[in-house]
Amino acid sequence: MACFVGLDVSQKITHVCVVDGEGRVVWQGRCPSTPDAIAATVSEKAPGATRVGFESGPLSTWHYHGLIELGVPAVCVDARHAKAALSMQINKTDRNDARGLAELMRMGWYREVGVKRLDSHTVRALLGVRFQLIGMRTNIINQMRALLKTYGIILKPVFGRSQEQDVDRLCREHQGVLFETLSVLLSVYRGLKQEIAFLENLLARFVRSSPVCRLLMTIPGVGILTSAAYVSVIDDPTRFPKSNLVGAYIGLTPQCYQSRQVDRVGRISKCGDPLLRAYLFEAATSLLTRDNKWSALKAWGLRVAKTKGMKKAKIAVARKLAVVMHRMWLTGEKFRFSASVDAASEA
């Protein structure tokens, strides 16, 4: 007999509901929120289950990979779609949510989420921690500037090694609470700088060991950060039937609203990974303004800049970069340059 399972997962307890092919409830109960406990409950109460569904969330990656390894046909459902379906219930309880998810599994009215590999999550976490530490370093620099400016000591706009040495010399040559406070800030700054360098070495090691990252870095403007972020976010390029869909996945396509006589195109959706979107924008800026080699992509971007402005051109080129990188990943082909402006325009 075909049966379907819905899981409403929380940090400690998971509510489980099993329904048959006709929608009748076979069993409802609870179990601990670990893959082993959930798999044991499904094996006991719903042997041979067709689909076991749960919503995407903070624990969904751990649960999905754990259940798949244990032979459970796990399905991770888009939380927005599940919310739209479950909102029709009069009483919202964890028990009712599990029942609703089981019905979604039975009817097939859901959108499955592609759960990324744990290795991709690790690289994305590395990039996120580096970004946070750089923000903390910037805040420390701004605090040191503000402290010294109050006393008429103005540092240069770029805080480099010479400015660090100047602050260190002031702390050693002067006494008082101000310079003791400044010494603490300088010590924190140096610690952050050291840890950021360590993370960047880990990132460079990953990129060197990844053939895909090295291939993507043949694109002008795409460096270690952009290639690593792209590989960790996309994870599996075969998830996208068309390369054009990658731009929408990252949030670089415009939103649209159409109803009767209203047909409005808005700004980009920004619904994807914000860090990857920022790196692609930086890569597009480098390609359009700094790189001297010509390509069809650069020629197209400059034509857009003439009619729409440079800012919109950078966003458009960032979207094109995402599409081109996806196609290069699938085909294994390096980025093609052009010998001249005319050749690039004809390409």
C-alpha atoms as a PDB file:
ATOM      1  CA  MET A   1       0.000   0.000   0.000  1.00  0.00           C
ATOM      2  CA  ALA A   2       1.388   3.414  -0.997  1.00  0.00           C
ATOM      3  CA  CYS A   3       1.837   5.805   1.887  1.00  0.00           C
ATOM      4  CA  PHE A   4       3.153   9.333   2.255  1.00  0.00           C
ATOM      5  CA  VAL A   5       4.805  11.021   5.218  1.00  0.00           C
ATOM      6  CA  GLY A   6       4.836  14.661   6.323  1.00  0.00           C
ATOM      7  CA  LEU A   7       7.394  15.980   8.810  1.00  0.00           C
ATOM      8  CA  ASP A   8       7.011  19.232  10.738  1.00  0.00           C
ATOM      9  CA  VAL A   9      10.543  19.708  12.021  1.00  0.00           C
ATOM     10  CA  SER A  10      11.606  21.785  15.008  1.00  0.00           C
ATOM     11  CA  GLN A  11      14.920  21.836  16.842  1.00  0.00           C
ATOM     12  CA  LYS A  12      13.987  19.137  19.355  1.00  0.00           C
ATOM     13  CA  ILE A  13      10.756  17.420  18.287  1.00  0.00           C
ATOM     14  CA  THR A  14       9.450  16.434  14.846  1.00  0.00           C
ATOM     15  CA  HIS A  15       5.748  15.826  14.313  1.00  0.00           C
ATOM     16  CA  VAL A  16       5.101  12.954  11.898  1.00  0.00           C
ATOM     17  CA  CYS A  17       1.950  12.193   9.916  1.00  0.00           C
ATOM     18  CA  VAL A  18       1.460   9.148   7.647  1.00  0.00           C
ATOM     19  CA  VAL A  19      -1.406   9.045   5.114  1.00  0.00           C
ATOM     20  CA  ASP A  20      -2.329   6.391   2.577  1.00  0.00           C
ATOM     21  CA  GLY A  21      -3.087   6.828  -1.112  1.00  0.00           C
ATOM     22  CA  GLU A  22      -6.685   7.864  -0.339  1.00  0.00           C
ATOM     23  CA  GLY A  23      -5.684  10.565   2.131  1.00  0.00           C
ATOM     24  CA  ARG A  24      -6.672   8.651   5.274  1.00  0.00           C
ATOM     25  CA  VAL A  25      -4.432   9.153   8.301  1.00  0.00           C
ATOM     26  CA  VAL A  26      -2.568   5.955   9.102  1.00  0.00           C
ATOM     27  CA  TRP A  27      -0.526   7.237  12.034  1.00  0.00           C
ATOM     28  CA  GLN A  28       0.361  10.508  13.762  1.00  0.00           C
ATOM     29  CA  GLY A  29       2.985  11.032  16.421  1.00  0.00           C
ATOM     30  CA  ARG A  30       6.283  12.612  17.400  1.00  0.00           C
ATOM     31  CA  CYS A  31       9.959  11.693  17.443  1.00  0.00           C
ATOM     32  CA  PRO A  32      13.295  13.402  18.175  1.00  0.00           C
ATOM     33  CA  SER A  33      14.571  15.719  15.419  1.00  0.00           C
ATOM     34  CA  THR A  34      17.542  13.634  14.310  1.00  0.00           C
ATOM     35  CA  PRO A  35      17.887  11.787  10.993  1.00  0.00           C
ATOM     36  CA  ASP A  36      18.339   8.454  12.792  1.00  0.00           C
ATOM     37  CA  ALA A  37      15.189   8.867  14.909  1.00  0.00           C
ATOM     38  CA  ILE A  38      13.114  10.079  11.964  1.00  0.00           C
ATOM     39  CA  ALA A  39      14.321   7.229   9.746  1.00  0.00           C
ATOM     40  CA  ALA A  40      13.524   4.691  12.459  1.00  0.00           C
ATOM     41  CA  THR A  41      10.015   6.129  12.901  1.00  0.00           C
ATOM     42  CA  VAL A  42       9.338   6.111   9.156  1.00  0.00           C
ATOM     43  CA  SER A  43      10.651   2.560   8.843  1.00  0.00           C
ATOM     44  CA  GLU A  44       8.362   1.388  11.656  1.00  0.00           C
ATOM     45  CA  LYS A  45       5.170   3.333  10.931  1.00  0.00           C
ATOM     46  CA  ALA A  46       5.397   3.745   7.144  1.00  0.00           C
ATOM     47  CA  PRO A  47       7.528   0.953   5.653  1.00  0.00           C
ATOM     48  CA  GLY A  48       8.033   1.445   1.941  1.00  0.00           C
ATOM     49  CA  ALA A  49       6.931   5.094   2.050  1.00  0.00           C
ATOM     50  CA  THR A  50       6.737   6.717  -1.385  1.00  0.00           C
ATOM     51  CA  ARG A  51       7.725  10.233  -0.317  1.00  0.00           C
ATOM     52  CA  VAL A  52       8.768  11.796   2.991  1.00  0.00           C
ATOM     53  CA  GLY A  53       8.429  15.577   2.863  1.00  0.00           C
ATOM     54  CA  PHE A  54       9.539  18.462   5.063  1.00  0.00           C
ATOM     55  CA  GLU A  55       9.957  22.217   4.624  1.00  0.00           C
ATOM     56  CA  SER A  56      13.237  23.954   3.832  1.00  0.00           C
ATOM     57  CA  GLY A  57      14.848  25.561   6.869  1.00  0.00           C
ATOM     58  CA  PRO A  58      18.021  25.789   8.972  1.00  0.00           C
ATOM     59  CA  LEU A  59      18.121  22.019   9.630  1.00  0.00           C
ATOM     60  CA  SER A  60      16.891  20.852   6.232  1.00  0.00           C
ATOM     61  CA  THR A  61      20.370  20.211   4.786  1.00  0.00           C
ATOM     62  CA  TRP A  62      21.374  18.001   7.719  1.00  0.00           C
ATOM     63  CA  HIS A  63      18.080  16.124   7.663  1.00  0.00           C
ATOM     64  CA  TYR A  64      18.000  15.669   3.891  1.00  0.00           C
ATOM     65  CA  HIS A  65      21.492  14.202   3.532  1.00  0.00           C
ATOM     66  CA  GLY A  66      21.098  12.127   6.686  1.00  0.00           C
ATOM     67  CA  LEU A  67      17.779  10.639   5.555  1.00  0.00           C
ATOM     68  CA  ILE A  68      19.008   9.958   2.024  1.00  0.00           C
ATOM     69  CA  GLU A  69      22.015   8.075   3.425  1.00  0.00           C
ATOM     70  CA  LEU A  70      19.621   5.963   5.517  1.00  0.00           C
ATOM     71  CA  GLY A  71      17.534   5.070   2.455  1.00  0.00           C
ATOM     72  CA  VAL A  72      14.553   7.335   3.179  1.00  0.00           C
ATOM     73  CA  PRO A  73      12.968   8.964   0.052  1.00  0.00           C
ATOM     74  CA  ALA A  74      13.283  12.471   1.489  1.00  0.00           C
ATOM     75  CA  VAL A  75      11.826  15.503  -0.316  1.00  0.00           C
ATOM     76  CA  CYS A  76      12.665  19.053   0.763  1.00  0.00           C
ATOM     77  CA  VAL A  77       9.756  21.374  -0.062  1.00  0.00           C
ATOM     78  CA  ASP A  78      10.012  25.102  -0.746  1.00  0.00           C
ATOM     79  CA  ALA A  79       8.864  26.766   2.492  1.00  0.00           C
ATOM     80  CA  ARG A  80       7.026  29.535   0.622  1.00  0.00           C
ATOM     81  CA  HIS A  81       4.949  27.026  -1.341  1.00  0.00           C
ATOM     82  CA  ALA A  82       4.242  24.980   1.779  1.00  0.00           C
ATOM     83  CA  LYS A  83       3.157  28.116   3.652  1.00  0.00           C
ATOM     84  CA  ALA A  84       0.711  29.013   0.877  1.00  0.00           C
ATOM     85  CA  ALA A  85      -0.879  25.556   1.077  1.00  0.00           C
ATOM     86  CA  LEU A  86      -0.881  25.238   4.865  1.00  0.00           C
ATOM     87  CA  SER A  87      -2.320  28.738   5.385  1.00  0.00           C
ATOM     88  CA  MET A  88      -5.776  27.396   4.387  1.00  0.00           C
ATOM     89  CA  GLN A  89      -5.969  25.562   7.719  1.00  0.00           C
ATOM     90  CA  ILE A  90      -8.128  27.228  10.347  1.00  0.00           C
ATOM     91  CA  ASN A  91      -5.996  26.041  13.253  1.00  0.00           C
ATOM     92  CA  LYS A  92      -2.238  26.162  12.783  1.00  0.00           C
ATOM     93  CA  THR A  93      -0.529  23.550  14.925  1.00  0.00           C
ATOM     94  CA  ASP A  94       2.563  21.424  14.394  1.00  0.00           C
ATOM     95  CA  ARG A  95       0.335  18.352  14.185  1.00  0.00           C
ATOM     96  CA  ASN A  96      -1.830  19.939  11.473  1.00  0.00           C
ATOM     97  CA  ASP A  97       1.237  21.154   9.576  1.00  0.00           C
ATOM     98  CA  ALA A  98       2.590  17.597   9.444  1.00  0.00           C
ATOM     99  CA  ARG A  99      -0.810  16.426   8.143  1.00  0.00           C
ATOM    100  CA  GLY A 100      -0.778  19.168   5.497  1.00  0.00           C
ATOM    101  CA  LEU A 101       2.746  18.244   4.357  1.00  0.00           C
ATOM    102  CA  ALA A 102       1.707  14.613   4.073  1.00  0.00           C
ATOM    103  CA  GLU A 103      -1.192  15.675   1.832  1.00  0.00           C
ATOM    104  CA  LEU A 104       1.206  17.714  -0.314  1.00  0.00           C
ATOM    105  CA  MET A 105       3.352  14.612  -0.745  1.00  0.00           C
ATOM    106  CA  ARG A 106       0.304  12.567  -1.723  1.00  0.00           C
ATOM    107  CA  MET A 107      -1.039  15.043  -4.272  1.00  0.00           C
ATOM    108  CA  GLY A 108       2.362  16.085  -5.631  1.00  0.00           C
ATOM    109  CA  TRP A 109       1.445  19.756  -5.273  1.00  0.00           C
ATOM    110  CA  TYR A 110       4.825  21.059  -4.162  1.00  0.00           C
ATOM    111  CA  ARG A 111       8.086  22.443  -5.455  1.00  0.00           C
ATOM    112  CA  GLU A 112      11.152  20.483  -4.459  1.00  0.00           C
ATOM    113  CA  VAL A 113      14.204  22.397  -3.302  1.00  0.00           C
ATOM    114  CA  GLY A 114      17.602  21.337  -4.617  1.00  0.00           C
ATOM    115  CA  VAL A 115      19.640  20.691  -1.471  1.00  0.00           C
ATOM    116  CA  LYS A 116      23.301  21.495  -1.981  1.00  0.00           C
ATOM    117  CA  ARG A 117      26.190  19.254  -1.038  1.00  0.00           C
ATOM    118  CA  LEU A 118      27.822  19.776   2.350  1.00  0.00           C
ATOM    119  CA  ASP A 119      31.114  20.709   0.665  1.00  0.00           C
ATOM    120  CA  SER A 120      29.389  23.623  -1.062  1.00  0.00           C
ATOM    121  CA  HIS A 121      27.938  24.770   2.249  1.00  0.00           C
ATOM    122  CA  THR A 122      31.432  24.669   3.750  1.00  0.00           C
ATOM    123  CA  VAL A 123      32.911  26.927   1.064  1.00  0.00           C
ATOM    124  CA  ARG A 124      29.951  29.309   1.291  1.00  0.00           C
ATOM    125  CA  ALA A 125      30.396  29.463   5.072  1.00  0.00           C
ATOM    126  CA  LEU A 126      34.082  30.298   4.600  1.00  0.00           C
ATOM    127  CA  LEU A 127      33.173  33.163   2.263  1.00  0.00           C
ATOM    128  CA  GLY A 128      30.509  34.416   4.657  1.00  0.00           C
ATOM    129  CA  VAL A 129      32.848  34.404   7.667  1.00  0.00           C
ATOM    130  CA  ARG A 130      35.513  36.244   5.660  1.00  0.00           C
ATOM    131  CA  PHE A 131      32.953  38.876   4.657  1.00  0.00           C
ATOM    132  CA  GLN A 132      31.873  39.353   8.276  1.00  0.00           C
ATOM    133  CA  LEU A 133      35.467  39.681   9.504  1.00  0.00           C
ATOM    134  CA  ILE A 134      36.236  42.278   6.832  1.00  0.00           C
ATOM    135  CA  GLY A 135      33.223  44.270   8.016  1.00  0.00           C
ATOM    136  CA  MET A 136      34.481  44.046  11.605  1.00  0.00           C
ATOM    137  CA  ARG A 137      37.940  45.184  10.487  1.00  0.00           C
ATOM    138  CA  THR A 138      36.409  48.183   8.708  1.00  0.00           C
ATOM    139  CA  ASN A 139      34.483  49.124  11.875  1.00  0.00           C
ATOM    140  CA  ILE A 140      37.668  48.962  13.939  1.00  0.00           C
ATOM    141  CA  ILE A 141      39.482  51.218  11.447  1.00  0.00           C
ATOM    142  CA  ASN A 142      36.621  53.728  11.562  1.00  0.00           C
ATOM    143  CA  GLN A 143      36.694  53.747  15.369  1.00  0.00           C
ATOM    144  CA  MET A 144      40.442  54.450  15.381  1.00  0.00           C
ATOM    145  CA  ARG A 145      39.951  57.271  12.872  1.00  0.00           C
ATOM    146  CA  ALA A 146      37.171  58.808  14.988  1.00  0.00           C
ATOM    147  CA  LEU A 147      39.215  58.630  18.199  1.00  0.00           C
ATOM    148  CA  LEU A 148      42.253  60.315  16.653  1.00  0.00           C
ATOM    149  CA  LYS A 149      40.281  62.921  14.693  1.00  0.00           C
ATOM    150  CA  THR A 150      38.841  64.267  17.950  1.00  0.00           C
ATOM    151  CA  TYR A 151      42.397  65.210  18.962  1.00  0.00           C
ATOM    152  CA  GLY A 152      43.371  66.613  15.579  1.00  0.00           C
ATOM    153  CA  ILE A 153      45.218  63.523  14.311  1.00  0.00           C
ATOM    154  CA  ILE A 154      43.926  62.684  10.827  1.00  0.00           C
ATOM    155  CA  LEU A 155      44.899  59.437   9.122  1.00  0.00           C
ATOM    156  CA  LYS A 156      45.143  59.029   5.365  1.00  0.00           C
ATOM    157  CA  PRO A 157      42.054  57.723   3.524  1.00  0.00           C
ATOM    158  CA  VAL A 158      43.632  54.326   2.863  1.00  0.00           C
ATOM    159  CA  PHE A 159      44.504  52.493   6.073  1.00  0.00           C
ATOM    160  CA  GLY A 160      47.632  50.564   5.125  1.00  0.00           C
ATOM    161  CA  ARG A 161      50.806  49.376   6.787  1.00  0.00           C
ATOM    162  CA  SER A 162      52.225  52.899   7.217  1.00  0.00           C
ATOM    163  CA  GLN A 163      49.051  54.107   8.999  1.00  0.00           C
ATOM    164  CA  GLU A 164      49.150  51.022  11.217  1.00  0.00           C
ATOM    165  CA  GLN A 165      52.750  51.827  12.140  1.00  0.00           C
ATOM    166  CA  ASP A 166      51.804  55.445  12.863  1.00  0.00           C
ATOM    167  CA  VAL A 167      49.064  54.351  15.269  1.00  0.00           C
ATOM    168  CA  ASP A 168      51.449  51.881  16.914  1.00  0.00           C
ATOM    169  CA  ARG A 169      54.048  54.603  17.383  1.00  0.00           C
ATOM    170  CA  LEU A 170      51.493  56.944  18.962  1.00  0.00           C
ATOM    171  CA  CYS A 171      50.467  54.214  21.409  1.00  0.00           C
ATOM    172  CA  ARG A 172      54.076  53.578  22.434  1.00  0.00           C
ATOM    173  CA  GLU A 173      55.129  57.223  22.704  1.00  0.00           C
ATOM    174  CA  HIS A 174      52.132  58.554  24.652  1.00  0.00           C
ATOM    175  CA  GLN A 175      50.445  57.687  27.906  1.00  0.00           C
ATOM    176  CA  GLY A 176      46.825  57.958  28.943  1.00  0.00           C
ATOM    177  CA  VAL A 177      43.442  56.306  28.597  1.00  0.00           C
ATOM    178  CA  LEU A 178      43.056  57.432  24.983  1.00  0.00           C
ATOM    179  CA  PHE A 179      46.161  55.678  23.744  1.00  0.00           C
ATOM    180  CA  GLU A 180      45.541  52.604  25.903  1.00  0.00           C
ATOM    181  CA  THR A 181      42.099  52.357  24.265  1.00  0.00           C
ATOM    182  CA  LEU A 182      43.696  52.887  20.871  1.00  0.00           C
ATOM    183  CA  SER A 183      46.182  50.111  21.618  1.00  0.00           C
ATOM    184  CA  VAL A 184      43.312  47.692  22.309  1.00  0.00           C
ATOM    185  CA  LEU A 185      41.678  48.600  18.993  1.00  0.00           C
ATOM    186  CA  LEU A 186      44.970  48.160  17.156  1.00  0.00           C
ATOM    187  CA  SER A 187      45.453  44.729  18.724  1.00  0.00           C
ATOM    188  CA  VAL A 188      41.968  43.660  17.617  1.00  0.00           C
ATOM    189  CA  TYR A 189      42.641  45.020  14.124  1.00  0.00           C
ATOM    190  CA  ARG A 190      45.847  43.009  13.804  1.00  0.00           C
ATOM    191  CA  GLY A 191      44.123  39.860  15.030  1.00  0.00           C
ATOM    192  CA  LEU A 192      41.337  40.293  12.486  1.00  0.00           C
ATOM    193  CA  LYS A 193      43.844  40.928   9.714  1.00  0.00           C
ATOM    194  CA  GLN A 194      45.704  37.750  10.588  1.00  0.00           C
ATOM    195  CA  GLU A 195      42.535  35.630  10.635  1.00  0.00           C
ATOM    196  CA  ILE A 196      41.345  37.106   7.320  1.00  0.00           C
ATOM    197  CA  ALA A 197      44.682  36.192   5.746  1.00  0.00           C
ATOM    198  CA  PHE A 198      44.299  32.637   7.084  1.00  0.00           C
ATOM    199  CA  LEU A 199      40.815  32.314   5.559  1.00  0.00           C
ATOM    200  CA  GLU A 200      42.061  33.678   2.248  1.00  0.00           C
ATOM    201  CA  ASN A 201      44.793  31.022   2.204  1.00  0.00           C
ATOM    202  CA  LEU A 202      42.150  28.338   2.760  1.00  0.00           C
ATOM    203  CA  LEU A 203      40.089  29.818  -0.058  1.00  0.00           C
ATOM    204  CA  ALA A 204      43.060  29.959  -2.420  1.00  0.00           C
ATOM    205  CA  ARG A 205      43.826  26.322  -1.629  1.00  0.00           C
ATOM    206  CA  PHE A 206      40.274  25.329  -2.521  1.00  0.00           C
ATOM    207  CA  VAL A 207      40.350  27.260  -5.807  1.00  0.00           C
ATOM    208  CA  ARG A 208      43.677  25.703  -6.812  1.00  0.00           C
ATOM    209  CA  SER A 209      42.227  22.230  -6.235  1.00  0.00           C
ATOM    210  CA  SER A 210      39.023  22.963  -8.178  1.00  0.00           C
ATOM    211  CA  PRO A 211      39.216  22.601 -11.996  1.00  0.00           C
ATOM    212  CA  VAL A 212      35.884  24.406 -12.327  1.00  0.00           C
ATOM    213  CA  CYS A 213      37.124  27.468 -10.422  1.00  0.00           C
ATOM    214  CA  ARG A 214      40.290  27.606 -12.506  1.00  0.00           C
ATOM    215  CA  LEU A 215      38.182  27.398 -15.669  1.00  0.00           C
ATOM    216  CA  LEU A 216      35.863  30.218 -14.563  1.00  0.00           C
ATOM    217  CA  MET A 217      38.839  32.408 -13.705  1.00  0.00           C
ATOM    218  CA  THR A 218      39.729  32.606 -17.396  1.00  0.00           C
ATOM    219  CA  ILE A 219      36.909  35.192 -17.617  1.00  0.00           C
ATOM    220  CA  PRO A 220      38.213  38.758 -17.201  1.00  0.00           C
ATOM    221  CA  GLY A 221      37.191  40.204 -13.855  1.00  0.00           C
ATOM    222  CA  VAL A 222      36.442  36.812 -12.283  1.00  0.00           C
ATOM    223  CA  GLY A 223      38.892  35.987  -9.520  1.00  0.00           C
ATOM    224  CA  ILE A 224      39.166  33.690  -6.542  1.00  0.00           C
ATOM    225  CA  LEU A 225      36.205  35.120  -4.624  1.00  0.00           C
ATOM    226  CA  THR A 226      33.763  35.203  -7.539  1.00  0.00           C
ATOM    227  CA  SER A 227      34.613  31.728  -8.826  1.00  0.00           C
ATOM    228  CA  ALA A 228      34.471  30.130  -5.364  1.00  0.00           C
ATOM    229  CA  ALA A 229      31.182  31.853  -4.536  1.00  0.00           C
ATOM    230  CA  TYR A 230      29.655  30.816  -7.871  1.00  0.00           C
ATOM    231  CA  VAL A 231      30.655  27.161  -7.495  1.00  0.00           C
ATOM    232  CA  SER A 232      29.421  26.975  -3.897  1.00  0.00           C
ATOM    233  CA  VAL A 233      26.051  28.620  -4.654  1.00  0.00           C
ATOM    234  CA  ILE A 234      25.250  26.819  -7.932  1.00  0.00           C
ATOM    235  CA  ASP A 235      26.627  23.497  -6.620  1.00  0.00           C
ATOM    236  CA  ASP A 236      25.217  21.362  -9.447  1.00  0.00           C
ATOM    237  CA  PRO A 237      24.905  23.035 -12.884  1.00  0.00           C
ATOM    238  CA  THR A 238      22.613  20.288 -14.195  1.00  0.00           C
ATOM    239  CA  ARG A 239      19.867  21.562 -11.866  1.00  0.00           C
ATOM    240  CA  PHE A 240      19.188  24.277 -14.437  1.00  0.00           C
ATOM    241  CA  PRO A 241      17.748  23.033 -17.758  1.00  0.00           C
ATOM    242  CA  LYS A 242      18.750  26.346 -19.374  1.00  0.00           C
ATOM    243  CA  SER A 243      21.684  28.612 -18.596  1.00  0.00           C
ATOM    244  CA  ASN A 244      19.406  31.667 -18.795  1.00  0.00           C
ATOM    245  CA  LEU A 245      17.661  30.541 -15.603  1.00  0.00           C
ATOM    246  CA  VAL A 246      20.791  31.147 -13.520  1.00  0.00           C
ATOM    247  CA  GLY A 247      20.349  34.916 -13.709  1.00  0.00           C
ATOM    248  CA  ALA A 248      16.884  34.658 -12.165  1.00  0.00           C
ATOM    249  CA  TYR A 249      18.149  32.216  -9.503  1.00  0.00           C
ATOM    250  CA  ILE A 250      20.771  34.729  -8.356  1.00  0.00           C
ATOM    251  CA  GLY A 251      18.260  37.596  -8.405  1.00  0.00           C
ATOM    252  CA  LEU A 252      19.671  39.576 -11.345  1.00  0.00           C
ATOM    253  CA  THR A 253      16.510  39.645 -13.487  1.00  0.00           C
ATOM    254  CA  PRO A 254      13.820  42.359 -13.193  1.00  0.00           C
ATOM    255  CA  GLN A 255      10.562  41.792 -11.391  1.00  0.00           C
ATOM    256  CA  CYS A 256       7.385  42.136 -13.399  1.00  0.00           C
ATOM    257  CA  TYR A 257       3.757  42.767 -12.510  1.00  0.00           C
ATOM    258  CA  GLN A 258       1.037  42.174 -15.073  1.00  0.00           C
ATOM    259  CA  SER A 259      -2.720  42.387 -14.466  1.00  0.00           C
ATOM    260  CA  ARG A 260      -5.257  43.448 -17.076  1.00  0.00           C
ATOM    261  CA  GLN A 261      -4.061  46.810 -18.435  1.00  0.00           C
ATOM    262  CA  VAL A 262      -1.126  46.984 -16.011  1.00  0.00           C
ATOM    263  CA  ASP A 263       2.189  45.675 -17.293  1.00  0.00           C
ATOM    264  CA  ARG A 264       5.066  46.945 -15.182  1.00  0.00           C
ATOM    265  CA  VAL A 265       8.741  45.925 -15.119  1.00  0.00           C
ATOM    266  CA  GLY A 266      10.560  46.816 -11.914  1.00  0.00           C
ATOM    267  CA  ARG A 267      14.012  46.498 -10.435  1.00  0.00           C
ATOM    268  CA  ILE A 268      15.973  43.277 -10.147  1.00  0.00           C
ATOM    269  CA  SER A 269      14.450  40.781  -7.721  1.00  0.00           C
ATOM    270  CA  LYS A 270      17.531  40.316  -5.465  1.00  0.00           C
ATOM    271  CA  CYS A 271      16.061  36.962  -4.411  1.00  0.00           C
ATOM    272  CA  GLY A 272      19.279  34.945  -4.628  1.00  0.00           C
ATOM    273  CA  ASP A 273      22.543  34.855  -2.733  1.00  0.00           C
ATOM    274  CA  PRO A 274      23.532  38.481  -1.951  1.00  0.00           C
ATOM    275  CA  LEU A 275      27.262  37.810  -1.665  1.00  0.00           C
ATOM    276  CA  LEU A 276      27.497  36.109  -5.064  1.00  0.00           C
ATOM    277  CA  ARG A 277      25.424  38.900  -6.593  1.00  0.00           C
ATOM    278  CA  ALA A 278      27.853  41.490  -5.189  1.00  0.00           C
ATOM    279  CA  TYR A 279      30.892  39.593  -6.492  1.00  0.00           C
ATOM    280  CA  LEU A 280      29.355  39.282  -9.964  1.00  0.00           C
ATOM    281  CA  PHE A 281      28.674  43.026  -9.974  1.00  0.00           C
ATOM    282  CA  GLU A 282      32.310  43.688  -9.059  1.00  0.00           C
ATOM    283  CA  ALA A 283      33.471  41.310 -11.795  1.00  0.00           C
ATOM    284  CA  ALA A 284      31.252  43.104 -14.326  1.00  0.00           C
ATOM    285  CA  THR A 285      32.681  46.460 -13.225  1.00  0.00           C
ATOM    286  CA  SER A 286      36.227  45.178 -13.690  1.00  0.00           C
ATOM    287  CA  LEU A 287      35.418  43.720 -17.096  1.00  0.00           C
ATOM    288  CA  LEU A 288      33.850  46.958 -18.371  1.00  0.00           C
ATOM    289  CA  THR A 289      36.209  49.534 -16.888  1.00  0.00           C
ATOM    290  CA  ARG A 290      39.585  47.937 -16.172  1.00  0.00           C
ATOM    291  CA  ASP A 291      40.244  45.003 -18.484  1.00  0.00           C
ATOM    292  CA  ASN A 292      41.991  45.932 -21.747  1.00  0.00           C
ATOM    293  CA  LYS A 293      41.160  42.763 -23.675  1.00  0.00           C
ATOM    294  CA  TRP A 294      38.112  42.838 -25.937  1.00  0.00           C
ATOM    295  CA  SER A 295      35.350  40.282 -25.997  1.00  0.00           C
ATOM    296  CA  ALA A 296      31.783  40.048 -27.233  1.00  0.00           C
ATOM    297  CA  LEU A 297      30.570  40.400 -23.648  1.00  0.00           C
ATOM    298  CA  LYS A 298      32.488  43.639 -23.069  1.00  0.00           C
ATOM    299  CA  ALA A 299      31.373  45.102 -26.417  1.00  0.00           C
ATOM    300  CA  TRP A 300      27.750  44.258 -25.600  1.00  0.00           C
ATOM    301  CA  GLY A 301      28.039  45.786 -22.128  1.00  0.00           C
ATOM    302  CA  LEU A 302      29.488  49.042 -23.479  1.00  0.00           C
ATOM    303  CA  ARG A 303      26.650  49.287 -26.003  1.00  0.00           C
ATOM    304  CA  VAL A 304      24.156  48.909 -23.156  1.00  0.00           C
ATOM    305  CA  ALA A 305      26.045  51.595 -21.194  1.00  0.00           C
ATOM    306  CA  LYS A 306      25.623  54.083 -24.046  1.00  0.00           C
ATOM    307  CA  THR A 307      21.839  53.713 -24.079  1.00  0.00           C
ATOM    308  CA  LYS A 308      20.942  52.757 -20.485  1.00  0.00           C
ATOM    309  CA  GLY A 309      23.820  54.073 -18.400  1.00  0.00           C
ATOM    310  CA  MET A 310      26.833  52.400 -16.836  1.00  0.00           C
ATOM    311  CA  LYS A 311      25.078  51.208 -13.673  1.00  0.00           C
ATOM    312  CA  LYS A 312      22.406  49.273 -15.577  1.00  0.00           C
ATOM    313  CA  ALA A 313      25.095  47.991 -17.925  1.00  0.00           C
ATOM    314  CA  LYS A 314      27.043  46.558 -14.987  1.00  0.00           C
ATOM    315  CA  ILE A 315      23.946  44.746 -13.713  1.00  0.00           C
ATOM    316  CA  ALA A 316      23.207  43.417 -17.201  1.00  0.00           C
ATOM    317  CA  VAL A 317      26.790  42.210 -17.638  1.00  0.00           C
ATOM    318  CA  ALA A 318      26.688  40.582 -14.187  1.00  0.00           C
ATOM    319  CA  ARG A 319      23.636  38.598 -15.291  1.00  0.00           C
ATOM    320  CA  LYS A 320      25.365  37.675 -18.557  1.00  0.00           C
ATOM    321  CA  LEU A 321      28.423  36.581 -16.599  1.00  0.00           C
ATOM    322  CA  ALA A 322      26.298  34.211 -14.516  1.00  0.00           C
ATOM    323  CA  VAL A 323      24.865  32.685 -17.700  1.00  0.00           C
ATOM    324  CA  VAL A 324      28.260  32.422 -19.432  1.00  0.00           C
ATOM    325  CA  MET A 325      29.863  30.840 -16.362  1.00  0.00           C
ATOM    326  CA  HIS A 326      27.132  28.216 -16.232  1.00  0.00           C
ATOM    327  CA  ARG A 327      27.604  27.338 -19.899  1.00  0.00           C
ATOM    328  CA  MET A 328      31.397  27.161 -19.487  1.00  0.00           C
ATOM    329  CA  TRP A 329      30.950  24.862 -16.484  1.00  0.00           C
ATOM    330  CA  LEU A 330      28.815  22.472 -18.529  1.00  0.00           C
ATOM    331  CA  THR A 331      30.950  22.484 -21.684  1.00  0.00           C
ATOM    332  CA  GLY A 332      34.414  22.871 -20.132  1.00  0.00           C
ATOM    333  CA  GLU A 333      35.282  25.532 -22.719  1.00  0.00           C
ATOM    334  CA  LYS A 334      37.489  28.507 -21.796  1.00  0.00           C
ATOM    335  CA  PHE A 335      36.372  32.115 -22.219  1.00  0.00           C
ATOM    336  CA  ARG A 336      36.863  33.451 -25.750  1.00  0.00           C
ATOM    337  CA  PHE A 337      38.423  36.863 -26.348  1.00  0.00           C
ATOM    338  CA  SER A 338      38.336  38.949 -29.532  1.00  0.00           C
ATOM    339  CA  ALA A 339      41.273  40.468 -31.371  1.00  0.00           C
ATOM    340  CA  SER A 340      39.662  43.930 -31.788  1.00  0.00           C
ATOM    341  CA  VAL A 341      36.606  46.016 -31.036  1.00  0.00           C
ATOM    342  CA  ASP A 342      35.106  45.283 -34.446  1.00  0.00           C
ATOM    343  CA  ALA A 343      35.537  41.551 -34.033  1.00  0.00           C
ATOM    344  CA  ALA A 344      33.939  41.701 -30.599  1.00  0.00           C
ATOM    345  CA  SER A 345      30.971  43.660 -31.934  1.00  0.00           C
ATOM    346  CA  GLU A 346      30.417  41.119 -34.697  1.00  0.00           C
ATOM    347  CA  ALA A 347      30.609  38.144 -32.303  1.00  0.00           C
END
